[in-house]
């Protein structure tokens, strides 16, 4: 049963990619469509970060993950290099987990 689902989802992803390639170039030249196409990945990534940060199953949970994301946001606002942002977030999350017990 699992392989059937994997194959079905794979076929769906392939069909979606093929549909994207079939869109005429003139459609993407429109400013509104171009702007929407640029913002969709950003919105999806932001939603993924939000869900992975505060969700635990079907409930919301505020823990060290949120502190790590907040620290990363501060690092980004201060224009720190990517590696520094990642290390800062990890250090803050680890510290909160150690202190909380």
N, C-alpha and C. Protein backbone atom coordinates (compact mmCIF):
# COMPACT_ATOMS: atom_id res chain seq x y z
N UNK A 1 0.82 -1.20 0.00
CA UNK A 1 0.00 0.00 0.00
C UNK A 1 0.87 1.26 0.00
N UNK A 2 1.95 1.26 0.76
CA UNK A 2 2.81 2.43 0.84
C UNK A 2 3.43 2.75 -0.52
N UNK A 3 3.86 1.71 -1.24
CA UNK A 3 4.47 1.94 -2.54
C UNK A 3 3.47 2.51 -3.54
N UNK A 4 2.23 2.14 -3.43
CA UNK A 4 1.21 2.70 -4.32
C UNK A 4 1.08 4.20 -4.09
N UNK A 5 1.10 4.59 -2.82
CA UNK A 5 1.00 6.02 -2.49
C UNK A 5 2.24 6.76 -2.98
N UNK A 6 3.42 6.18 -2.76
CA UNK A 6 4.66 6.81 -3.22
C UNK A 6 4.65 6.98 -4.74
N UNK A 7 4.25 5.97 -5.45
CA UNK A 7 4.19 6.06 -6.91
C UNK A 7 3.14 7.07 -7.38
N UNK A 8 2.00 7.11 -6.71
CA UNK A 8 0.96 8.06 -7.08
C UNK A 8 1.41 9.50 -6.84
N UNK A 9 2.04 9.74 -5.71
CA UNK A 9 2.54 11.09 -5.42
C UNK A 9 3.66 11.47 -6.38
N UNK A 10 4.53 10.53 -6.71
CA UNK A 10 5.59 10.80 -7.67
C UNK A 10 5.01 11.17 -9.04
N UNK A 11 4.00 10.42 -9.47
CA UNK A 11 3.36 10.73 -10.75
C UNK A 11 2.69 12.10 -10.70
N UNK A 12 2.08 12.43 -9.59
CA UNK A 12 1.45 13.74 -9.45
C UNK A 12 2.47 14.87 -9.50
N UNK A 13 3.61 14.68 -8.84
CA UNK A 13 4.67 15.70 -8.88
C UNK A 13 5.21 15.87 -10.29
N UNK A 14 5.41 14.77 -10.98
CA UNK A 14 5.89 14.83 -12.35
C UNK A 14 4.87 15.55 -13.24
N UNK A 15 3.60 15.24 -13.07
CA UNK A 15 2.55 15.89 -13.87
C UNK A 15 2.50 17.39 -13.57
N UNK A 16 2.69 17.76 -12.32
CA UNK A 16 2.68 19.18 -11.96
C UNK A 16 3.86 19.90 -12.59
N UNK A 17 5.04 19.26 -12.56
CA UNK A 17 6.21 19.86 -13.19
C UNK A 17 6.01 19.98 -14.69
N UNK A 18 5.45 18.96 -15.31
CA UNK A 18 5.17 18.99 -16.74
C UNK A 18 4.17 20.09 -17.08
N UNK A 19 3.17 20.28 -16.23
CA UNK A 19 2.19 21.35 -16.46
C UNK A 19 2.87 22.71 -16.38
N UNK A 20 3.82 22.86 -15.46
CA UNK A 20 4.55 24.12 -15.34
C UNK A 20 5.39 24.41 -16.57
N UNK A 21 5.96 23.38 -17.15
CA UNK A 21 6.76 23.57 -18.36
C UNK A 21 5.88 23.85 -19.58
N UNK A 22 4.62 23.45 -19.52
CA UNK A 22 3.71 23.65 -20.65
C UNK A 22 3.12 25.06 -20.68
N UNK A 23 3.33 25.85 -19.64
CA UNK A 23 2.80 27.21 -19.60
C UNK A 23 3.56 28.06 -20.62
N UNK A 24 2.86 28.76 -21.48
CA UNK A 24 3.55 29.61 -22.47
C UNK A 24 4.35 30.72 -21.78
N UNK A 25 5.46 31.08 -22.39
CA UNK A 25 6.34 32.11 -21.81
C UNK A 25 5.62 33.45 -21.68
N UNK A 26 4.67 33.71 -22.55
CA UNK A 26 3.94 34.98 -22.50
C UNK A 26 3.15 35.16 -21.22
N UNK A 27 2.70 34.06 -20.65
CA UNK A 27 1.94 34.14 -19.40
C UNK A 27 2.83 34.63 -18.27
N UNK A 28 4.07 34.15 -18.22
CA UNK A 28 4.98 34.54 -17.15
C UNK A 28 5.54 35.94 -17.33
N UNK A 29 5.32 36.55 -18.50
CA UNK A 29 5.80 37.91 -18.72
C UNK A 29 4.88 38.95 -18.08
N UNK A 30 3.69 38.55 -17.68
CA UNK A 30 2.78 39.48 -17.02
C UNK A 30 3.30 39.81 -15.62
N UNK A 31 3.30 41.08 -15.23
CA UNK A 31 3.88 41.47 -13.94
C UNK A 31 3.21 40.79 -12.73
N UNK A 32 1.90 40.66 -12.76
CA UNK A 32 1.21 40.05 -11.62
C UNK A 32 1.56 38.57 -11.48
N UNK A 33 1.60 37.86 -12.60
CA UNK A 33 1.94 36.43 -12.57
C UNK A 33 3.40 36.25 -12.15
N UNK A 34 4.29 37.09 -12.65
CA UNK A 34 5.70 37.00 -12.29
C UNK A 34 5.90 37.24 -10.79
N UNK A 35 5.22 38.24 -10.26
CA UNK A 35 5.35 38.56 -8.82
C UNK A 35 4.80 37.41 -7.98
N UNK A 36 3.67 36.85 -8.38
CA UNK A 36 3.09 35.73 -7.64
C UNK A 36 4.02 34.52 -7.69
N UNK A 37 4.61 34.26 -8.84
CA UNK A 37 5.53 33.12 -8.98
C UNK A 37 6.78 33.31 -8.14
N UNK A 38 7.20 34.54 -7.92
CA UNK A 38 8.37 34.81 -7.08
C UNK A 38 8.05 34.66 -5.60
N UNK A 39 6.81 34.97 -5.21
CA UNK A 39 6.46 34.97 -3.79
C UNK A 39 5.94 33.64 -3.26
N UNK A 40 5.46 32.77 -4.12
CA UNK A 40 4.91 31.49 -3.65
C UNK A 40 5.95 30.65 -2.90
N UNK A 41 7.18 30.48 -3.41
CA UNK A 41 8.15 29.69 -2.64
C UNK A 41 8.47 30.30 -1.27
N UNK A 42 8.52 31.63 -1.20
CA UNK A 42 8.80 32.29 0.07
C UNK A 42 7.67 32.03 1.06
N UNK A 43 6.44 32.12 0.59
CA UNK A 43 5.30 31.87 1.47
C UNK A 43 5.26 30.42 1.94
N UNK A 44 5.55 29.49 1.05
CA UNK A 44 5.56 28.08 1.44
C UNK A 44 6.66 27.78 2.45
N UNK A 45 7.83 28.36 2.26
CA UNK A 45 8.93 28.14 3.20
C UNK A 45 8.60 28.75 4.56
N UNK A 46 8.01 29.94 4.56
CA UNK A 46 7.62 30.57 5.83
C UNK A 46 6.57 29.74 6.56
N UNK A 47 5.63 29.19 5.82
CA UNK A 47 4.61 28.34 6.44
C UNK A 47 5.23 27.08 7.01
N UNK A 48 6.17 26.49 6.29
CA UNK A 48 6.84 25.29 6.78
C UNK A 48 7.62 25.57 8.05
N UNK A 49 8.34 26.69 8.10
CA UNK A 49 9.09 27.05 9.30
C UNK A 49 8.14 27.27 10.47
N UNK A 50 7.03 27.96 10.23
CA UNK A 50 6.07 28.22 11.31
C UNK A 50 5.48 26.92 11.85
N UNK A 51 5.11 26.02 10.98
CA UNK A 51 4.50 24.75 11.42
C UNK A 51 5.52 23.90 12.16
N UNK A 52 6.73 23.81 11.64
CA UNK A 52 7.75 22.99 12.29
C UNK A 52 8.24 23.60 13.60
N UNK A 53 8.07 24.90 13.78
CA UNK A 53 8.54 25.56 14.99
C UNK A 53 7.58 25.38 16.15
N UNK A 54 6.29 25.55 15.93
CA UNK A 54 5.35 25.56 17.05
C UNK A 54 4.34 24.43 17.04
N UNK A 55 4.42 23.52 16.10
CA UNK A 55 3.45 22.43 16.05
C UNK A 55 4.05 21.14 16.59
N UNK A 56 3.25 20.44 17.34
CA UNK A 56 3.62 19.13 17.83
C UNK A 56 2.39 18.24 17.68
N UNK A 57 2.34 17.52 16.58
CA UNK A 57 1.13 16.75 16.29
C UNK A 57 0.00 17.69 15.93
N UNK A 58 -1.08 17.62 16.69
CA UNK A 58 -2.23 18.49 16.43
C UNK A 58 -2.32 19.64 17.43
N UNK A 59 -1.28 19.84 18.22
CA UNK A 59 -1.32 20.91 19.22
C UNK A 59 -0.16 21.88 19.01
N UNK A 60 -0.32 23.07 19.56
CA UNK A 60 0.75 24.06 19.51
C UNK A 60 1.62 23.91 20.74
N UNK A 61 2.92 24.07 20.55
CA UNK A 61 3.85 23.89 21.65
C UNK A 61 4.94 24.94 21.54
N UNK A 62 5.08 25.75 22.59
CA UNK A 62 6.13 26.77 22.63
C UNK A 62 7.28 26.19 23.42
N UNK A 63 8.42 26.00 22.76
CA UNK A 63 9.58 25.42 23.43
C UNK A 63 10.86 26.03 22.86
N UNK A 64 11.95 25.30 22.96
CA UNK A 64 13.26 25.81 22.55
C UNK A 64 13.32 26.10 21.05
N UNK A 65 12.51 25.42 20.26
CA UNK A 65 12.52 25.67 18.81
C UNK A 65 12.15 27.11 18.50
N UNK A 66 11.16 27.62 19.22
CA UNK A 66 10.74 29.01 18.98
C UNK A 66 11.84 29.98 19.37
N UNK A 67 12.53 29.71 20.46
CA UNK A 67 13.65 30.57 20.86
C UNK A 67 14.75 30.54 19.81
N UNK A 68 15.02 29.37 19.24
CA UNK A 68 16.04 29.26 18.19
C UNK A 68 15.66 30.03 16.94
N UNK A 69 14.40 29.95 16.54
CA UNK A 69 13.95 30.69 15.37
C UNK A 69 13.99 32.20 15.63
N UNK A 70 13.64 32.60 16.85
CA UNK A 70 13.71 34.03 17.20
C UNK A 70 15.16 34.52 17.15
N UNK A 71 16.08 33.71 17.66
CA UNK A 71 17.50 34.09 17.61
C UNK A 71 17.98 34.17 16.16
N UNK A 72 17.54 33.25 15.33
CA UNK A 72 17.91 33.29 13.91
C UNK A 72 17.36 34.54 13.24
N UNK A 73 16.14 34.92 13.60
CA UNK A 73 15.55 36.14 13.02
C UNK A 73 16.36 37.37 13.41
N UNK A 74 16.82 37.41 14.65
CA UNK A 74 17.67 38.53 15.09
C UNK A 74 18.98 38.53 14.29
N UNK A 75 19.56 37.36 14.11
CA UNK A 75 20.79 37.27 13.32
C UNK A 75 20.60 37.74 11.89
N UNK A 76 19.47 37.38 11.29
CA UNK A 76 19.18 37.82 9.92
C UNK A 76 18.99 39.34 9.89
N UNK A 77 18.27 39.87 10.88
CA UNK A 77 18.07 41.33 10.92
C UNK A 77 19.38 42.08 11.09
N UNK A 78 20.34 41.47 11.79
CA UNK A 78 21.65 42.10 11.97
C UNK A 78 22.58 41.80 10.80
N UNK A 79 22.05 41.12 9.77
CA UNK A 79 22.79 40.78 8.56
C UNK A 79 24.03 39.92 8.84
N UNK A 80 23.89 39.00 9.74
CA UNK A 80 24.98 38.06 10.03
C UNK A 80 25.09 37.05 8.88
N UNK A 81 26.26 36.49 8.69
CA UNK A 81 26.40 35.44 7.66
C UNK A 81 25.53 34.22 8.00
N UNK A 82 25.19 33.46 6.98
CA UNK A 82 24.27 32.34 7.15
C UNK A 82 24.76 31.35 8.20
N UNK A 83 26.03 31.00 8.16
CA UNK A 83 26.57 30.04 9.12
C UNK A 83 26.45 30.56 10.54
N UNK A 84 26.67 31.85 10.74
CA UNK A 84 26.54 32.45 12.07
C UNK A 84 25.08 32.37 12.53
N UNK A 85 24.14 32.62 11.63
CA UNK A 85 22.72 32.55 11.97
C UNK A 85 22.35 31.14 12.41
N UNK A 86 22.81 30.15 11.68
CA UNK A 86 22.50 28.76 12.01
C UNK A 86 23.11 28.38 13.35
N UNK A 87 24.37 28.74 13.57
CA UNK A 87 25.03 28.41 14.83
C UNK A 87 24.38 29.14 16.00
N UNK A 88 23.99 30.38 15.80
CA UNK A 88 23.31 31.14 16.85
C UNK A 88 21.99 30.50 17.22
N UNK A 89 21.21 30.11 16.23
CA UNK A 89 19.93 29.47 16.50
C UNK A 89 20.12 28.15 17.24
N UNK A 90 21.10 27.37 16.81
CA UNK A 90 21.36 26.09 17.48
C UNK A 90 21.82 26.30 18.91
N UNK A 91 22.69 27.27 19.13
CA UNK A 91 23.19 27.53 20.48
C UNK A 91 22.08 27.99 21.41
N UNK A 92 21.23 28.88 20.93
CA UNK A 92 20.12 29.37 21.76
C UNK A 92 19.15 28.24 22.07
N UNK A 93 18.80 27.45 21.08
CA UNK A 93 17.87 26.34 21.30
C UNK A 93 18.47 25.33 22.29
N UNK A 94 19.76 25.02 22.14
CA UNK A 94 20.40 24.08 23.07
C UNK A 94 20.46 24.64 24.48
N UNK A 95 20.73 25.93 24.60
CA UNK A 95 20.78 26.54 25.92
C UNK A 95 19.41 26.53 26.59
N UNK A 96 18.38 26.86 25.84
CA UNK A 96 17.03 26.85 26.41
C UNK A 96 16.65 25.43 26.84
N UNK A 97 16.98 24.44 26.02
CA UNK A 97 16.67 23.05 26.39
C UNK A 97 17.43 22.63 27.63
N UNK A 98 18.70 23.04 27.75
CA UNK A 98 19.50 22.67 28.92
C UNK A 98 18.97 23.33 30.19
N UNK A 99 18.58 24.58 30.08
CA UNK A 99 18.10 25.32 31.25
C UNK A 99 16.71 24.81 31.66
N UNK A 100 15.87 24.52 30.67
CA UNK A 100 14.50 24.08 30.96
C UNK A 100 14.47 22.66 31.51
N UNK A 101 15.50 21.92 31.25
CA UNK A 101 15.57 20.68 31.94
C UNK A 101 15.50 19.41 31.30
